[in-house]
Amino acid sequence: MIPTLHQINFHHLRYFWSVATDGSLTRTAARLRVAQSALSSQIQQLEEHLGSALFLRDGRRLMLTETGKIVLAYAEEIFATGGQLLAALAHGRGTEEVLRIGAVATLSRNFQESFVKPLLGQPNVRLHLESGTLGDLLSRLNDLALDLVLANRPPARELRARLRCRRIARQPVSIVGPARTRGFRFPTGLANLPIIVPGKESDIRSEFDALCEQAGVRVRILAEVDDMATMRLLARDTQALALVPSVVVRDELRDGVLHEQCVVPGLFETFYAITAERRFQHPLLKSVLARDEHEILETGQKRRGPSATRD
């Protein structure tokens, strides 16, 4: 007989979900501080209600049956939705709303500041900002520990099933230096000049290398830098050129500390906002993601350098 909804004990379902996730009655019992016999008994009651076994023993290991795999998939959905509900309700309690944003460690600090700036002036809003690798941040996003991840590349295809990824801005990449060189031509103007570039894992670097190779120009690399904040300091404090999205050195360009030699033709850094597929999204996300590209970048530069003349 097919069980009715009221016959399913969700307390038993959570015990099953915990054991299936841990893969061991012993580990789950120790973690939850319940007797192993009591844990086993409650899972047996769930099996009786469902009319089918959920586990098979393979030596000392527990293996999910076909029914167990189906029940586990639904249990994960049920408890994930419950967690989202509690998180959404928590945002509405008290006088303060917390928005948790993760940003890839290599992302421009100026871009991050521009993105969150409208929230800083809102009363009763507190931001929690953290940085890390894209993989770690997406894991925390799926675990409901973050509301939004900012990145300069989309997640891998196999991770996109439960994620929403949208392009929110695209920023030109420039070659900057301590003084403007008249008649600078890209890429021949780079020949044998020291230049600071992003690390080899960067999409910007890959495309830049391809442009220089295509033109037969040999570039003298002074430093490879993954962190944009460090690149900003090196560009400011050395006499070398630097390959950066202009938002990274926005203030230095505005104040004349650095000058734009050229905007590299066809080379951009793209910024993405990634959220998890949830029934209850954070109420602040809609407004913060509704802005257009100009509002998000908020360059505020007084003047721009010349676009590249290409040989």
C-alpha atoms as a PDB file:
ATOM      1  CA  MET A   1       0.000   0.000   0.000  1.00  0.00           C
ATOM      2  CA  ILE A   2       1.308   3.444  -0.911  1.00  0.00           C
ATOM      3  CA  PRO A   3       1.895   5.527   2.252  1.00  0.00           C
ATOM      4  CA  THR A   4       0.100   8.830   2.693  1.00  0.00           C
ATOM      5  CA  LEU A   5       1.995  12.025   3.487  1.00  0.00           C
ATOM      6  CA  HIS A   6       0.968  12.067   7.160  1.00  0.00           C
ATOM      7  CA  GLN A   7       2.492   8.606   7.616  1.00  0.00           C
ATOM      8  CA  ILE A   8       5.967   9.867   6.724  1.00  0.00           C
ATOM      9  CA  ASN A   9       7.861  10.887   9.833  1.00  0.00           C
ATOM     10  CA  PHE A  10      10.231  13.672   8.752  1.00  0.00           C
ATOM     11  CA  HIS A  11      12.332  13.087  11.857  1.00  0.00           C
ATOM     12  CA  HIS A  12      12.965   9.559  10.586  1.00  0.00           C
ATOM     13  CA  LEU A  13      13.611  10.946   7.102  1.00  0.00           C
ATOM     14  CA  ARG A  14      16.319  13.244   8.468  1.00  0.00           C
ATOM     15  CA  TYR A  15      17.974  10.318  10.242  1.00  0.00           C
ATOM     16  CA  PHE A  16      17.970   8.377   6.971  1.00  0.00           C
ATOM     17  CA  TRP A  17      19.388  11.402   5.107  1.00  0.00           C
ATOM     18  CA  SER A  18      22.172  11.777   7.706  1.00  0.00           C
ATOM     19  CA  VAL A  19      23.162   8.103   7.516  1.00  0.00           C
ATOM     20  CA  ALA A  20      23.050   8.104   3.692  1.00  0.00           C
ATOM     21  CA  THR A  21      25.250  11.210   3.625  1.00  0.00           C
ATOM     22  CA  ASP A  22      27.738   9.856   6.194  1.00  0.00           C
ATOM     23  CA  GLY A  23      27.670   6.325   4.791  1.00  0.00           C
ATOM     24  CA  SER A  24      27.827   4.846   8.288  1.00  0.00           C
ATOM     25  CA  LEU A  25      25.404   4.235  11.131  1.00  0.00           C
ATOM     26  CA  THR A  26      28.271   4.439  13.611  1.00  0.00           C
ATOM     27  CA  ARG A  27      29.511   7.846  12.429  1.00  0.00           C
ATOM     28  CA  THR A  28      26.005   9.296  12.288  1.00  0.00           C
ATOM     29  CA  ALA A  29      25.098   7.982  15.740  1.00  0.00           C
ATOM     30  CA  ALA A  30      28.282   9.504  17.206  1.00  0.00           C
ATOM     31  CA  ARG A  31      27.714  12.833  15.440  1.00  0.00           C
ATOM     32  CA  LEU A  32      24.064  13.088  16.480  1.00  0.00           C
ATOM     33  CA  ARG A  33      24.750  11.626  19.937  1.00  0.00           C
ATOM     34  CA  VAL A  34      22.083   8.963  19.721  1.00  0.00           C
ATOM     35  CA  ALA A  35      22.337   5.229  20.273  1.00  0.00           C
ATOM     36  CA  GLN A  36      23.117   3.272  17.135  1.00  0.00           C
ATOM     37  CA  SER A  37      20.255   0.883  17.896  1.00  0.00           C
ATOM     38  CA  ALA A  38      17.788   3.789  18.177  1.00  0.00           C
ATOM     39  CA  LEU A  39      19.012   5.222  14.874  1.00  0.00           C
ATOM     40  CA  SER A  40      18.655   1.853  13.161  1.00  0.00           C
ATOM     41  CA  SER A  41      15.176   1.373  14.623  1.00  0.00           C
ATOM     42  CA  GLN A  42      13.901   4.714  13.322  1.00  0.00           C
ATOM     43  CA  ILE A  43      15.228   4.031   9.822  1.00  0.00           C
ATOM     44  CA  GLN A  44      13.472   0.647   9.922  1.00  0.00           C
ATOM     45  CA  GLN A  45      10.223   2.404  10.796  1.00  0.00           C
ATOM     46  CA  LEU A  46      10.680   4.679   7.777  1.00  0.00           C
ATOM     47  CA  GLU A  47      11.261   1.616   5.595  1.00  0.00           C
ATOM     48  CA  GLU A  48       8.060   0.065   6.922  1.00  0.00           C
ATOM     49  CA  HIS A  49       6.070   3.202   6.127  1.00  0.00           C
ATOM     50  CA  LEU A  50       7.548   3.345   2.626  1.00  0.00           C
ATOM     51  CA  GLY A  51       7.159  -0.406   2.088  1.00  0.00           C
ATOM     52  CA  SER A  52      10.681  -0.843   0.768  1.00  0.00           C
ATOM     53  CA  ALA A  53      14.235  -1.302   2.029  1.00  0.00           C
ATOM     54  CA  LEU A  54      16.480   1.763   1.816  1.00  0.00           C
ATOM     55  CA  PHE A  55      19.875   0.187   2.577  1.00  0.00           C
ATOM     56  CA  LEU A  56      21.727  -3.023   1.753  1.00  0.00           C
ATOM     57  CA  ARG A  57      24.790  -4.148   3.679  1.00  0.00           C
ATOM     58  CA  ASP A  58      28.002  -4.829   1.779  1.00  0.00           C
ATOM     59  CA  GLY A  59      30.306  -6.147   4.446  1.00  0.00           C
ATOM     60  CA  ARG A  60      30.673  -3.243   6.889  1.00  0.00           C
ATOM     61  CA  ARG A  61      29.399  -0.695   4.377  1.00  0.00           C
ATOM     62  CA  LEU A  62      25.860   0.500   3.833  1.00  0.00           C
ATOM     63  CA  MET A  63      24.721   0.685   0.212  1.00  0.00           C
ATOM     64  CA  LEU A  64      21.619   2.513  -0.969  1.00  0.00           C
ATOM     65  CA  THR A  65      18.966   0.488  -2.748  1.00  0.00           C
ATOM     66  CA  GLU A  66      17.277   1.916  -5.825  1.00  0.00           C
ATOM     67  CA  THR A  67      14.455   3.121  -3.570  1.00  0.00           C
ATOM     68  CA  GLY A  68      17.036   4.549  -1.176  1.00  0.00           C
ATOM     69  CA  LYS A  69      18.591   6.608  -3.981  1.00  0.00           C
ATOM     70  CA  ILE A  70      15.197   8.029  -4.927  1.00  0.00           C
ATOM     71  CA  VAL A  71      14.323   8.843  -1.308  1.00  0.00           C
ATOM     72  CA  LEU A  72      17.743  10.468  -0.768  1.00  0.00           C
ATOM     73  CA  ALA A  73      17.271  12.768  -3.774  1.00  0.00           C
ATOM     74  CA  TYR A  74      13.913  13.958  -2.452  1.00  0.00           C
ATOM     75  CA  ALA A  75      15.236  14.254   1.115  1.00  0.00           C
ATOM     76  CA  GLU A  76      18.061  16.529  -0.055  1.00  0.00           C
ATOM     77  CA  GLU A  77      15.538  18.734  -1.872  1.00  0.00           C
ATOM     78  CA  ILE A  78      13.219  18.829   1.165  1.00  0.00           C
ATOM     79  CA  PHE A  79      15.919  19.800   3.661  1.00  0.00           C
ATOM     80  CA  ALA A  80      17.577  22.283   1.283  1.00  0.00           C
ATOM     81  CA  THR A  81      14.220  24.015   0.827  1.00  0.00           C
ATOM     82  CA  GLY A  82      13.688  24.014   4.591  1.00  0.00           C
ATOM     83  CA  GLY A  83      17.076  25.641   5.092  1.00  0.00           C
ATOM     84  CA  GLN A  84      16.247  28.301   2.506  1.00  0.00           C
ATOM     85  CA  LEU A  85      12.945  29.003   4.242  1.00  0.00           C
ATOM     86  CA  LEU A  86      14.626  29.487   7.620  1.00  0.00           C
ATOM     87  CA  ALA A  87      17.291  31.727   6.054  1.00  0.00           C
ATOM     88  CA  ALA A  88      14.621  33.841   4.346  1.00  0.00           C
ATOM     89  CA  LEU A  89      12.630  34.198   7.553  1.00  0.00           C
ATOM     90  CA  ALA A  90      15.768  35.100   9.479  1.00  0.00           C
ATOM     91  CA  HIS A  91      16.366  38.019   7.078  1.00  0.00           C
ATOM     92  CA  GLY A  92      13.013  39.457   8.052  1.00  0.00           C
ATOM     93  CA  ARG A  93      13.525  39.321  11.804  1.00  0.00           C
ATOM     94  CA  GLY A  94      14.803  42.113  13.956  1.00  0.00           C
ATOM     95  CA  THR A  95      16.059  45.396  12.596  1.00  0.00           C
ATOM     96  CA  GLU A  96      19.032  44.198  10.533  1.00  0.00           C
ATOM     97  CA  GLU A  97      19.337  42.367   7.218  1.00  0.00           C
ATOM     98  CA  VAL A  98      22.562  40.532   6.459  1.00  0.00           C
ATOM     99  CA  LEU A  99      23.700  39.970   2.875  1.00  0.00           C
ATOM    100  CA  ARG A 100      26.552  37.474   2.486  1.00  0.00           C
ATOM    101  CA  ILE A 101      28.689  37.991  -0.603  1.00  0.00           C
ATOM    102  CA  GLY A 102      31.689  35.959  -1.684  1.00  0.00           C
ATOM    103  CA  ALA A 103      34.156  37.303  -4.258  1.00  0.00           C
ATOM    104  CA  VAL A 104      36.887  35.456  -6.111  1.00  0.00           C
ATOM    105  CA  ALA A 105      40.203  36.457  -4.538  1.00  0.00           C
ATOM    106  CA  THR A 106      41.613  37.778  -7.830  1.00  0.00           C
ATOM    107  CA  LEU A 107      38.672  40.126  -8.429  1.00  0.00           C
ATOM    108  CA  SER A 108      39.316  43.879  -8.476  1.00  0.00           C
ATOM    109  CA  ARG A 109      38.716  45.495  -5.083  1.00  0.00           C
ATOM    110  CA  ASN A 110      37.477  48.630  -6.855  1.00  0.00           C
ATOM    111  CA  PHE A 111      34.867  46.570  -8.662  1.00  0.00           C
ATOM    112  CA  GLN A 112      33.758  44.957  -5.413  1.00  0.00           C
ATOM    113  CA  GLU A 113      33.473  48.360  -3.754  1.00  0.00           C
ATOM    114  CA  SER A 114      31.416  49.724  -6.646  1.00  0.00           C
ATOM    115  CA  PHE A 115      29.133  46.709  -6.528  1.00  0.00           C
ATOM    116  CA  VAL A 116      28.290  46.971  -2.815  1.00  0.00           C
ATOM    117  CA  LYS A 117      28.380  50.775  -2.532  1.00  0.00           C
ATOM    118  CA  PRO A 118      24.566  51.294  -2.819  1.00  0.00           C
ATOM    119  CA  LEU A 119      24.049  48.893   0.082  1.00  0.00           C
ATOM    120  CA  LEU A 120      26.455  50.724   2.374  1.00  0.00           C
ATOM    121  CA  GLY A 121      24.146  53.696   2.655  1.00  0.00           C
ATOM    122  CA  GLN A 122      21.061  51.700   3.499  1.00  0.00           C
ATOM    123  CA  PRO A 123      19.941  51.651   7.124  1.00  0.00           C
ATOM    124  CA  ASN A 124      19.686  48.273   8.865  1.00  0.00           C
ATOM    125  CA  VAL A 125      21.741  46.448   6.235  1.00  0.00           C
ATOM    126  CA  ARG A 126      24.937  44.636   7.187  1.00  0.00           C
ATOM    127  CA  LEU A 127      27.261  43.126   4.621  1.00  0.00           C
ATOM    128  CA  HIS A 128      29.352  40.037   5.157  1.00  0.00           C
ATOM    129  CA  LEU A 129      32.124  39.911   2.535  1.00  0.00           C
ATOM    130  CA  GLU A 130      34.602  37.081   2.047  1.00  0.00           C
ATOM    131  CA  SER A 131      37.063  36.010  -0.632  1.00  0.00           C
ATOM    132  CA  GLY A 132      38.294  32.637  -1.803  1.00  0.00           C
ATOM    133  CA  THR A 133      38.628  30.371  -4.789  1.00  0.00           C
ATOM    134  CA  LEU A 134      35.653  30.011  -7.098  1.00  0.00           C
ATOM    135  CA  GLY A 135      35.233  26.339  -6.149  1.00  0.00           C
ATOM    136  CA  ASP A 136      35.174  27.033  -2.402  1.00  0.00           C
ATOM    137  CA  LEU A 137      32.771  29.952  -2.773  1.00  0.00           C
ATOM    138  CA  LEU A 138      30.354  27.964  -4.932  1.00  0.00           C
ATOM    139  CA  SER A 139      30.392  25.167  -2.363  1.00  0.00           C
ATOM    140  CA  ARG A 140      29.442  27.675   0.354  1.00  0.00           C
ATOM    141  CA  LEU A 141      26.766  29.097  -1.939  1.00  0.00           C
ATOM    142  CA  ASN A 142      25.205  25.652  -2.332  1.00  0.00           C
ATOM    143  CA  ASP A 143      25.369  25.150   1.447  1.00  0.00           C
ATOM    144  CA  LEU A 144      23.395  28.397   1.961  1.00  0.00           C
ATOM    145  CA  ALA A 145      26.392  30.012   3.681  1.00  0.00           C
ATOM    146  CA  LEU A 146      26.506  32.712   0.970  1.00  0.00           C
ATOM    147  CA  ASP A 147      23.766  34.587  -0.894  1.00  0.00           C
ATOM    148  CA  LEU A 148      25.847  35.657  -3.900  1.00  0.00           C
ATOM    149  CA  VAL A 149      29.226  35.002  -5.493  1.00  0.00           C
ATOM    150  CA  LEU A 150      31.046  37.555  -7.661  1.00  0.00           C
ATOM    151  CA  ALA A 151      33.468  36.107 -10.196  1.00  0.00           C
ATOM    152  CA  ASN A 152      35.336  36.943 -13.379  1.00  0.00           C
ATOM    153  CA  ARG A 153      34.487  33.637 -15.040  1.00  0.00           C
ATOM    154  CA  PRO A 154      31.345  31.484 -15.089  1.00  0.00           C
ATOM    155  CA  PRO A 155      31.233  28.221 -13.135  1.00  0.00           C
ATOM    156  CA  ALA A 156      32.196  25.002 -14.900  1.00  0.00           C
ATOM    157  CA  ARG A 157      29.404  23.471 -16.955  1.00  0.00           C
ATOM    158  CA  GLU A 158      28.965  20.516 -14.623  1.00  0.00           C
ATOM    159  CA  LEU A 159      28.311  22.862 -11.677  1.00  0.00           C
ATOM    160  CA  ARG A 160      25.615  24.957 -13.379  1.00  0.00           C
ATOM    161  CA  ALA A 161      22.615  22.648 -12.793  1.00  0.00           C
ATOM    162  CA  ARG A 162      21.514  24.418  -9.598  1.00  0.00           C
ATOM    163  CA  LEU A 163      23.200  27.758 -10.155  1.00  0.00           C
ATOM    164  CA  ARG A 164      22.104  30.963 -11.844  1.00  0.00           C
ATOM    165  CA  CYS A 165      24.903  32.868 -13.540  1.00  0.00           C
ATOM    166  CA  ARG A 166      24.403  36.271 -15.117  1.00  0.00           C
ATOM    167  CA  ARG A 167      26.849  38.684 -16.695  1.00  0.00           C
ATOM    168  CA  ILE A 168      26.575  41.992 -14.864  1.00  0.00           C
ATOM    169  CA  ALA A 169      29.401  44.032 -16.396  1.00  0.00           C
ATOM    170  CA  ARG A 170      32.235  44.004 -18.899  1.00  0.00           C
ATOM    171  CA  GLN A 171      35.270  46.222 -18.459  1.00  0.00           C
ATOM    172  CA  PRO A 172      37.925  47.071 -21.081  1.00  0.00           C
ATOM    173  CA  VAL A 173      41.479  45.985 -20.359  1.00  0.00           C
ATOM    174  CA  SER A 174      44.142  48.669 -20.651  1.00  0.00           C
ATOM    175  CA  ILE A 175      47.882  49.048 -20.705  1.00  0.00           C
ATOM    176  CA  VAL A 176      48.820  51.660 -18.122  1.00  0.00           C
ATOM    177  CA  GLY A 177      52.060  53.215 -16.993  1.00  0.00           C
ATOM    178  CA  PRO A 178      53.552  56.074 -14.968  1.00  0.00           C
ATOM    179  CA  ALA A 179      53.679  58.416 -17.961  1.00  0.00           C
ATOM    180  CA  ARG A 180      51.812  58.553 -21.245  1.00  0.00           C
ATOM    181  CA  THR A 181      53.826  57.721 -24.347  1.00  0.00           C
ATOM    182  CA  ARG A 182      52.775  59.703 -27.396  1.00  0.00           C
ATOM    183  CA  GLY A 183      51.820  57.621 -30.392  1.00  0.00           C
ATOM    184  CA  PHE A 184      51.851  54.343 -28.480  1.00  0.00           C
ATOM    185  CA  ARG A 185      50.849  51.562 -30.867  1.00  0.00           C
ATOM    186  CA  PHE A 186      49.631  48.146 -29.823  1.00  0.00           C
ATOM    187  CA  PRO A 187      51.212  45.654 -29.813  1.00  0.00           C
ATOM    188  CA  THR A 188      54.526  46.815 -31.332  1.00  0.00           C
ATOM    189  CA  GLY A 189      54.880  49.506 -28.658  1.00  0.00           C
ATOM    190  CA  LEU A 190      55.381  46.733 -26.109  1.00  0.00           C
ATOM    191  CA  ALA A 191      58.482  45.290 -27.729  1.00  0.00           C
ATOM    192  CA  ASN A 192      61.113  44.598 -25.058  1.00  0.00           C
ATOM    193  CA  LEU A 193      59.422  46.863 -22.485  1.00  0.00           C
ATOM    194  CA  PRO A 194      58.923  45.461 -18.966  1.00  0.00           C
ATOM    195  CA  ILE A 195      55.266  44.776 -18.234  1.00  0.00           C
ATOM    196  CA  ILE A 196      53.279  43.403 -15.320  1.00  0.00           C
ATOM    197  CA  VAL A 197      50.612  40.910 -16.413  1.00  0.00           C
ATOM    198  CA  PRO A 198      47.983  38.665 -14.795  1.00  0.00           C
ATOM    199  CA  GLY A 199      48.909  35.057 -14.012  1.00  0.00           C
ATOM    200  CA  LYS A 200      48.705  32.327 -16.625  1.00  0.00           C
ATOM    201  CA  GLU A 201      45.359  31.046 -15.320  1.00  0.00           C
ATOM    202  CA  SER A 202      43.725  34.361 -16.214  1.00  0.00           C
ATOM    203  CA  ASP A 203      41.568  34.590 -19.340  1.00  0.00           C
ATOM    204  CA  ILE A 204      42.933  38.113 -19.875  1.00  0.00           C
ATOM    205  CA  ARG A 205      46.481  36.770 -19.922  1.00  0.00           C
ATOM    206  CA  SER A 206      45.636  33.979 -22.381  1.00  0.00           C
ATOM    207  CA  GLU A 207      44.035  36.387 -24.847  1.00  0.00           C
ATOM    208  CA  PHE A 208      46.845  38.943 -24.435  1.00  0.00           C
ATOM    209  CA  ASP A 209      49.496  36.293 -25.132  1.00  0.00           C
ATOM    210  CA  ALA A 210      47.587  35.202 -28.231  1.00  0.00           C
ATOM    211  CA  LEU A 211      47.414  38.790 -29.567  1.00  0.00           C
ATOM    212  CA  CYS A 212      51.151  39.316 -29.050  1.00  0.00           C
ATOM    213  CA  GLU A 213      52.051  35.952 -30.581  1.00  0.00           C
ATOM    214  CA  GLN A 214      49.855  36.634 -33.586  1.00  0.00           C
ATOM    215  CA  ALA A 215      51.647  39.953 -34.125  1.00  0.00           C
ATOM    216  CA  GLY A 216      55.087  38.407 -33.584  1.00  0.00           C
ATOM    217  CA  VAL A 217      55.854  40.755 -30.691  1.00  0.00           C
ATOM    218  CA  ARG A 218      58.109  39.545 -27.904  1.00  0.00           C
ATOM    219  CA  VAL A 219      57.063  40.979 -24.528  1.00  0.00           C
ATOM    220  CA  ARG A 220      59.409  41.232 -21.534  1.00  0.00           C
ATOM    221  CA  ILE A 221      57.369  40.154 -18.506  1.00  0.00           C
ATOM    222  CA  LEU A 222      58.502  41.787 -15.281  1.00  0.00           C
ATOM    223  CA  ALA A 223      55.964  40.035 -13.022  1.00  0.00           C
ATOM    224  CA  GLU A 224      52.981  37.701 -13.208  1.00  0.00           C
ATOM    225  CA  VAL A 225      50.404  38.646 -10.571  1.00  0.00           C
ATOM    226  CA  ASP A 226      47.144  36.869  -9.775  1.00  0.00           C
ATOM    227  CA  ASP A 227      45.893  39.363  -7.205  1.00  0.00           C
ATOM    228  CA  MET A 228      44.573  42.606  -8.690  1.00  0.00           C
ATOM    229  CA  ALA A 229      45.211  44.587  -5.519  1.00  0.00           C
ATOM    230  CA  THR A 230      48.904  43.658  -5.712  1.00  0.00           C
ATOM    231  CA  MET A 231      48.996  44.480  -9.408  1.00  0.00           C
ATOM    232  CA  ARG A 232      47.557  47.896  -8.648  1.00  0.00           C
ATOM    233  CA  LEU A 233      50.364  48.590  -6.148  1.00  0.00           C
ATOM    234  CA  LEU A 234      53.092  47.402  -8.516  1.00  0.00           C
ATOM    235  CA  ALA A 235      51.678  49.455 -11.390  1.00  0.00           C
ATOM    236  CA  ARG A 236      51.624  52.515  -9.155  1.00  0.00           C
ATOM    237  CA  ASP A 237      55.048  52.106  -7.560  1.00  0.00           C
ATOM    238  CA  THR A 238      57.219  50.863 -10.450  1.00  0.00           C
ATOM    239  CA  GLN A 239      58.129  52.336 -13.795  1.00  0.00           C
ATOM    240  CA  ALA A 240      56.788  49.304 -15.643  1.00  0.00           C
ATOM    241  CA  LEU A 241      53.693  49.062 -17.783  1.00  0.00           C
ATOM    242  CA  ALA A 242      50.794  46.952 -16.513  1.00  0.00           C
ATOM    243  CA  LEU A 243      47.990  45.050 -18.224  1.00  0.00           C
ATOM    244  CA  VAL A 244      44.858  45.653 -16.119  1.00  0.00           C
ATOM    245  CA  PRO A 245      41.135  46.268 -16.407  1.00  0.00           C
ATOM    246  CA  SER A 246      40.833  50.025 -16.014  1.00  0.00           C
ATOM    247  CA  VAL A 247      38.511  49.671 -13.010  1.00  0.00           C
ATOM    248  CA  VAL A 248      41.456  48.209 -11.053  1.00  0.00           C
ATOM    249  CA  VAL A 249      43.429  51.470 -11.293  1.00  0.00           C
ATOM    250  CA  ARG A 250      40.424  53.768 -11.488  1.00  0.00           C
ATOM    251  CA  ASP A 251      41.639  56.159  -8.787  1.00  0.00           C
ATOM    252  CA  GLU A 252      45.216  56.329 -10.093  1.00  0.00           C
ATOM    253  CA  LEU A 253      43.987  57.157 -13.609  1.00  0.00           C
ATOM    254  CA  ARG A 254      41.672  59.829 -12.260  1.00  0.00           C
ATOM    255  CA  ASP A 255      44.422  61.436 -10.172  1.00  0.00           C
ATOM    256  CA  GLY A 256      47.070  61.264 -12.890  1.00  0.00           C
ATOM    257  CA  VAL A 257      49.334  58.877 -10.958  1.00  0.00           C
ATOM    258  CA  LEU A 258      49.000  56.430 -13.830  1.00  0.00           C
ATOM    259  CA  HIS A 259      48.210  57.068 -17.475  1.00  0.00           C
ATOM    260  CA  GLU A 260      46.459  54.872 -19.990  1.00  0.00           C
ATOM    261  CA  GLN A 261      48.742  54.037 -22.909  1.00  0.00           C
ATOM    262  CA  CYS A 262      45.921  52.302 -24.734  1.00  0.00           C
ATOM    263  CA  VAL A 263      42.774  50.273 -24.426  1.00  0.00           C
ATOM    264  CA  VAL A 264      43.681  46.842 -25.792  1.00  0.00           C
ATOM    265  CA  PRO A 265      41.338  46.201 -28.727  1.00  0.00           C
ATOM    266  CA  GLY A 266      38.872  43.384 -28.137  1.00  0.00           C
ATOM    267  CA  LEU A 267      40.182  42.520 -24.667  1.00  0.00           C
ATOM    268  CA  PHE A 268      37.756  42.664 -21.732  1.00  0.00           C
ATOM    269  CA  GLU A 269      37.285  41.361 -18.229  1.00  0.00           C
ATOM    270  CA  THR A 270      33.754  40.095 -17.655  1.00  0.00           C
ATOM    271  CA  PHE A 271      32.092  40.105 -14.238  1.00  0.00           C
ATOM    272  CA  TYR A 272      29.478  37.539 -13.219  1.00  0.00           C
ATOM    273  CA  ALA A 273      26.979  37.306 -10.384  1.00  0.00           C
ATOM    274  CA  ILE A 274      26.251  33.718  -9.356  1.00  0.00           C
ATOM    275  CA  THR A 275      23.374  32.670  -7.115  1.00  0.00           C
ATOM    276  CA  ALA A 276      22.003  29.287  -6.103  1.00  0.00           C
ATOM    277  CA  GLU A 277      18.688  28.007  -7.402  1.00  0.00           C
ATOM    278  CA  ARG A 278      16.448  28.739  -4.410  1.00  0.00           C
ATOM    279  CA  ARG A 279      12.774  29.158  -3.724  1.00  0.00           C
ATOM    280  CA  PHE A 280      13.463  32.026  -1.320  1.00  0.00           C
ATOM    281  CA  GLN A 281      16.080  34.449  -2.614  1.00  0.00           C
ATOM    282  CA  HIS A 282      17.487  37.164  -0.382  1.00  0.00           C
ATOM    283  CA  PRO A 283      15.231  40.246  -0.724  1.00  0.00           C
ATOM    284  CA  LEU A 284      18.179  42.583  -1.324  1.00  0.00           C
ATOM    285  CA  LEU A 285      19.453  40.652  -4.340  1.00  0.00           C
ATOM    286  CA  LYS A 286      16.776  41.850  -6.750  1.00  0.00           C
ATOM    287  CA  SER A 287      17.635  45.517  -6.338  1.00  0.00           C
ATOM    288  CA  VAL A 288      21.410  45.094  -6.261  1.00  0.00           C
ATOM    289  CA  LEU A 289      21.360  43.022  -9.470  1.00  0.00           C
ATOM    290  CA  ALA A 290      18.882  45.273 -11.279  1.00  0.00           C
ATOM    291  CA  ARG A 291      21.483  47.981 -11.991  1.00  0.00           C
ATOM    292  CA  ASP A 292      22.950  48.416 -15.438  1.00  0.00           C
ATOM    293  CA  GLU A 293      26.626  48.017 -16.263  1.00  0.00           C
ATOM    294  CA  HIS A 294      27.463  51.714 -15.952  1.00  0.00           C
ATOM    295  CA  GLU A 295      25.940  51.943 -12.474  1.00  0.00           C
ATOM    296  CA  ILE A 296      27.842  48.882 -11.286  1.00  0.00           C
ATOM    297  CA  LEU A 297      31.222  49.933 -12.641  1.00  0.00           C
ATOM    298  CA  GLU A 298      30.807  53.570 -11.595  1.00  0.00           C
ATOM    299  CA  THR A 299      34.186  54.417 -13.050  1.00  0.00           C
ATOM    300  CA  GLY A 300      34.112  58.090 -12.180  1.00  0.00           C
ATOM    301  CA  GLN A 301      37.185  58.784 -14.264  1.00  0.00           C
ATOM    302  CA  LYS A 302      37.753  62.413 -15.279  1.00  0.00           C
ATOM    303  CA  ARG A 303      39.459  61.436 -18.482  1.00  0.00           C
ATOM    304  CA  ARG A 304      40.313  58.422 -20.543  1.00  0.00           C
ATOM    305  CA  GLY A 305      43.513  57.636 -22.339  1.00  0.00           C
ATOM    306  CA  PRO A 306      43.600  57.013 -26.073  1.00  0.00           C
ATOM    307  CA  SER A 307      42.276  53.842 -27.612  1.00  0.00           C
ATOM    308  CA  ALA A 308      44.960  51.642 -29.038  1.00  0.00           C
ATOM    309  CA  THR A 309      46.309  52.224 -32.467  1.00  0.00           C
ATOM    310  CA  ARG A 310      47.075  48.773 -33.753  1.00  0.00           C
ATOM    311  CA  ASP A 311      49.891  47.898 -36.110  1.00  0.00           C
END
